[in-house]
């Protein structure tokens, strides 16, 4: 798979956001003028507004899973969407109604499926996010099944180009002592997906 990993010997049990930032920026800073930035209060994508500025994918605090998730959104967004704050999508905050939660789940299938692939490449445990703690909604069975089916579709049909590069770089960095194919369908099980 394409993608370059930074030098160094990570320990699989230690997932540091600084490693993710390094992996991301080695692959996309020059080609896409985009930085991965930690310590956000909330995750957000901020496009460059002036010449000389960089686009920024801001993830929550130093949360590894937040970084993977925000990169997944970026890998899906096309060139026009990447010119808009948060890719021009709506975001209904925590405490969504059942209908709002259903719509949220529909638009989150592909990003969460990519996040699962990224987590697998890094040897990190993936957890589905319903992102609605105050609304009391756990991820629905339909949502879990849709994420699983999308991961299998990625395993069979391949990943978008940027997602493939990032996945390859993560696998090279975190799984360097063994041959590893993060798109082997056997890595993914719907049972136990939470």
Protein backbone atom coordinates (compact mmCIF):
# COMPACT_ATOMS: atom_id res chain seq x y z
CA UNK A 1 0.00 0.00 0.00
CA UNK A 2 1.21 3.54 -0.64
CA UNK A 3 2.21 5.79 2.21
CA UNK A 4 5.27 6.43 4.27
CA UNK A 5 5.70 5.98 7.98
CA UNK A 6 8.03 8.03 10.16
CA UNK A 7 11.21 6.49 11.49
CA UNK A 8 11.10 5.07 14.99
CA UNK A 9 10.03 1.99 16.82
CA UNK A 10 6.52 2.37 18.23
CA UNK A 11 5.25 -0.06 20.78
CA UNK A 12 1.88 -1.42 19.65
CA UNK A 13 0.48 -0.91 23.13
CA UNK A 14 1.24 2.80 23.03
CA UNK A 15 -0.80 4.95 20.71
CA UNK A 16 0.36 8.54 20.76
CA UNK A 17 -1.35 11.30 18.86
CA UNK A 18 2.04 12.75 17.99
CA UNK A 19 2.75 9.55 16.03
CA UNK A 20 -0.53 9.95 14.15
CA UNK A 21 0.24 13.58 13.41
CA UNK A 22 3.66 12.61 12.08
CA UNK A 23 2.26 9.79 9.93
CA UNK A 24 -0.46 12.07 8.55
CA UNK A 25 1.78 15.03 7.82
CA UNK A 26 4.49 12.91 6.14
CA UNK A 27 1.82 11.78 3.72
CA UNK A 28 -0.38 14.85 3.24
CA UNK A 29 1.24 18.10 4.41
CA UNK A 30 3.07 18.79 1.15
CA UNK A 31 0.55 17.22 -1.25
CA UNK A 32 -2.64 18.54 0.37
CA UNK A 33 -1.42 21.50 2.44
CA UNK A 34 -3.17 19.96 5.44
CA UNK A 35 -2.13 19.60 9.07
CA UNK A 36 -3.54 17.31 11.76
CA UNK A 37 -3.88 19.32 14.98
CA UNK A 38 -4.53 18.08 18.53
CA UNK A 39 -6.01 19.84 21.58
CA UNK A 40 -9.30 21.01 20.09
CA UNK A 41 -12.18 21.45 22.51
CA UNK A 42 -14.39 20.11 19.72
CA UNK A 43 -13.29 18.48 16.47
CA UNK A 44 -13.49 20.71 13.40
CA UNK A 45 -12.06 21.02 9.91
CA UNK A 46 -10.78 24.51 9.14
CA UNK A 47 -9.82 25.25 5.53
CA UNK A 48 -7.04 27.72 4.77
CA UNK A 49 -8.43 31.22 4.30
CA UNK A 50 -5.37 33.03 2.94
CA UNK A 51 -2.34 32.15 0.83
CA UNK A 52 0.36 30.61 2.97
CA UNK A 53 -2.11 29.14 5.47
CA UNK A 54 -2.64 25.42 5.88
CA UNK A 55 -5.90 23.52 6.09
CA UNK A 56 -6.34 22.06 9.58
CA UNK A 57 -8.04 18.91 10.80
CA UNK A 58 -8.52 19.59 14.51
CA UNK A 59 -9.28 16.65 16.76
CA UNK A 60 -10.45 16.59 20.37
CA UNK A 61 -7.74 17.03 22.98
CA UNK A 62 -5.20 14.24 22.50
CA UNK A 63 -7.70 11.48 21.81
CA UNK A 64 -6.32 8.90 19.39
CA UNK A 65 -9.80 7.78 18.28
CA UNK A 66 -10.86 11.39 17.62
CA UNK A 67 -7.84 11.86 15.36
CA UNK A 68 -8.64 8.68 13.41
CA UNK A 69 -12.28 9.73 13.06
CA UNK A 70 -11.51 13.24 11.85
CA UNK A 71 -8.99 11.94 9.30
CA UNK A 72 -11.70 9.55 8.06
CA UNK A 73 -14.02 12.50 7.38
CA UNK A 74 -11.20 14.28 5.55
CA UNK A 75 -10.45 11.20 3.42
CA UNK A 76 -14.08 11.09 2.27
CA UNK A 77 -14.51 14.82 1.58
CA UNK A 78 -13.98 15.84 -2.04
CA UNK A 79 -11.97 18.90 -3.14
CA UNK A 80 -14.91 21.33 -2.98
CA UNK A 81 -15.98 20.13 0.48
CA UNK A 82 -12.41 20.58 1.72
CA UNK A 83 -12.77 24.32 1.01
CA UNK A 84 -15.63 24.60 3.55
CA UNK A 85 -15.50 24.67 7.34
CA UNK A 86 -16.43 21.20 8.59
CA UNK A 87 -16.86 20.29 4.92
CA UNK A 88 -20.12 22.27 4.83
CA UNK A 89 -22.06 19.63 6.77
CA UNK A 90 -24.52 20.26 9.57
CA UNK A 91 -23.75 19.12 13.04
CA UNK A 92 -26.50 18.72 15.58
CA UNK A 93 -24.97 18.73 19.07
CA UNK A 94 -25.36 16.07 21.72
CA UNK A 95 -28.95 15.54 22.85
CA UNK A 96 -30.39 14.76 19.40
CA UNK A 97 -33.93 13.51 18.90
CA UNK A 98 -34.51 9.98 17.57
CA UNK A 99 -34.98 11.34 14.02
CA UNK A 100 -31.86 13.50 14.25
CA UNK A 101 -29.94 10.49 15.54
CA UNK A 102 -31.17 8.37 12.63
CA UNK A 103 -29.90 11.01 10.16
CA UNK A 104 -26.60 11.21 12.05
CA UNK A 105 -26.15 7.45 11.74
CA UNK A 106 -26.82 7.56 8.00
CA UNK A 107 -24.05 10.09 7.33
CA UNK A 108 -21.59 8.47 9.75
CA UNK A 109 -21.45 4.98 8.20
CA UNK A 110 -18.53 5.62 5.83
CA UNK A 111 -16.44 7.73 8.24
CA UNK A 112 -16.84 5.19 11.02
CA UNK A 113 -16.06 2.31 8.66
CA UNK A 114 -12.85 4.09 7.62
CA UNK A 115 -12.04 4.82 11.25
CA UNK A 116 -12.36 1.07 11.92
CA UNK A 117 -9.94 0.30 9.08
CA UNK A 118 -7.49 2.93 10.40
CA UNK A 119 -7.78 1.56 13.95
CA UNK A 120 -7.16 -1.98 12.68
CA UNK A 121 -4.08 -0.81 10.77
CA UNK A 122 -2.78 0.75 13.99
CA UNK A 123 -3.69 -2.24 16.18
CA UNK A 124 -6.07 -0.01 18.13
CA UNK A 125 -9.51 -1.04 19.38
CA UNK A 126 -12.34 0.58 17.41
CA UNK A 127 -15.50 1.67 19.17
CA UNK A 128 -18.56 2.92 17.33
CA UNK A 129 -19.62 6.41 18.33
CA UNK A 130 -23.30 7.30 18.56
CA UNK A 131 -22.06 10.75 19.65
CA UNK A 132 -25.26 11.39 21.59
CA UNK A 133 -24.53 10.89 25.29
CA UNK A 134 -27.20 13.33 26.46
CA UNK A 135 -29.74 11.86 24.04
CA UNK A 136 -29.34 8.46 25.66
CA UNK A 137 -28.99 6.65 22.34
CA UNK A 138 -26.58 3.79 21.99
CA UNK A 139 -25.59 2.89 18.43
CA UNK A 140 -28.53 1.15 16.77
CA UNK A 141 -28.22 -2.40 15.46
CA UNK A 142 -28.89 -1.03 11.96
CA UNK A 143 -26.00 1.42 12.35
CA UNK A 144 -23.63 -1.29 13.56
CA UNK A 145 -24.63 -3.54 10.66
CA UNK A 146 -24.22 -0.73 8.12
CA UNK A 147 -20.71 0.07 9.40
CA UNK A 148 -19.75 -3.60 9.19
CA UNK A 149 -21.12 -3.94 5.64
CA UNK A 150 -19.25 -0.80 4.58
CA UNK A 151 -15.98 -2.15 5.99
CA UNK A 152 -16.51 -5.36 4.02
CA UNK A 153 -17.18 -3.25 0.90
CA UNK A 154 -13.87 -1.44 1.48
CA UNK A 155 -12.12 -4.80 1.95
CA UNK A 156 -13.51 -6.04 -1.35
CA UNK A 157 -13.42 -2.87 -3.45
CA UNK A 158 -10.54 -0.94 -1.92
CA UNK A 159 -10.28 2.39 -0.17
CA UNK A 160 -10.37 5.94 -1.50
CA UNK A 161 -6.82 7.04 -2.44
CA UNK A 162 -6.06 9.19 0.63
CA UNK A 163 -7.56 6.59 2.96
CA UNK A 164 -5.43 3.88 1.32
CA UNK A 165 -2.27 5.96 1.76
CA UNK A 166 -3.06 6.67 5.43
CA UNK A 167 -3.97 3.03 6.12
CA UNK A 168 -0.74 1.84 4.54
CA UNK A 169 1.31 4.33 6.54
CA UNK A 170 -0.42 3.35 9.80
CA UNK A 171 0.15 -0.35 9.12
CA UNK A 172 3.81 0.30 8.29
CA UNK A 173 4.29 2.28 11.50
CA UNK A 174 2.33 0.14 13.97
CA UNK A 175 2.65 -3.34 12.46
CA UNK A 176 6.21 -3.13 11.16
CA UNK A 177 7.42 -6.50 12.51
CA UNK A 178 4.88 -8.58 10.64
CA UNK A 179 3.24 -8.60 7.23
CA UNK A 180 -0.20 -7.13 7.75
CA UNK A 181 -3.13 -6.46 5.43
CA UNK A 182 -5.66 -4.19 7.15
CA UNK A 183 -8.14 -4.90 4.34
CA UNK A 184 -8.36 -8.62 5.08
CA UNK A 185 -12.05 -9.16 5.88
CA UNK A 186 -11.11 -11.63 8.63
CA UNK A 187 -9.99 -8.74 10.84
CA UNK A 188 -13.58 -7.50 11.14
CA UNK A 189 -16.46 -9.06 13.06
CA UNK A 190 -19.88 -7.54 13.56
CA UNK A 191 -20.36 -9.48 16.80
CA UNK A 192 -18.94 -7.54 19.69
CA UNK A 193 -18.91 -4.28 17.72
CA UNK A 194 -19.73 -1.57 20.23
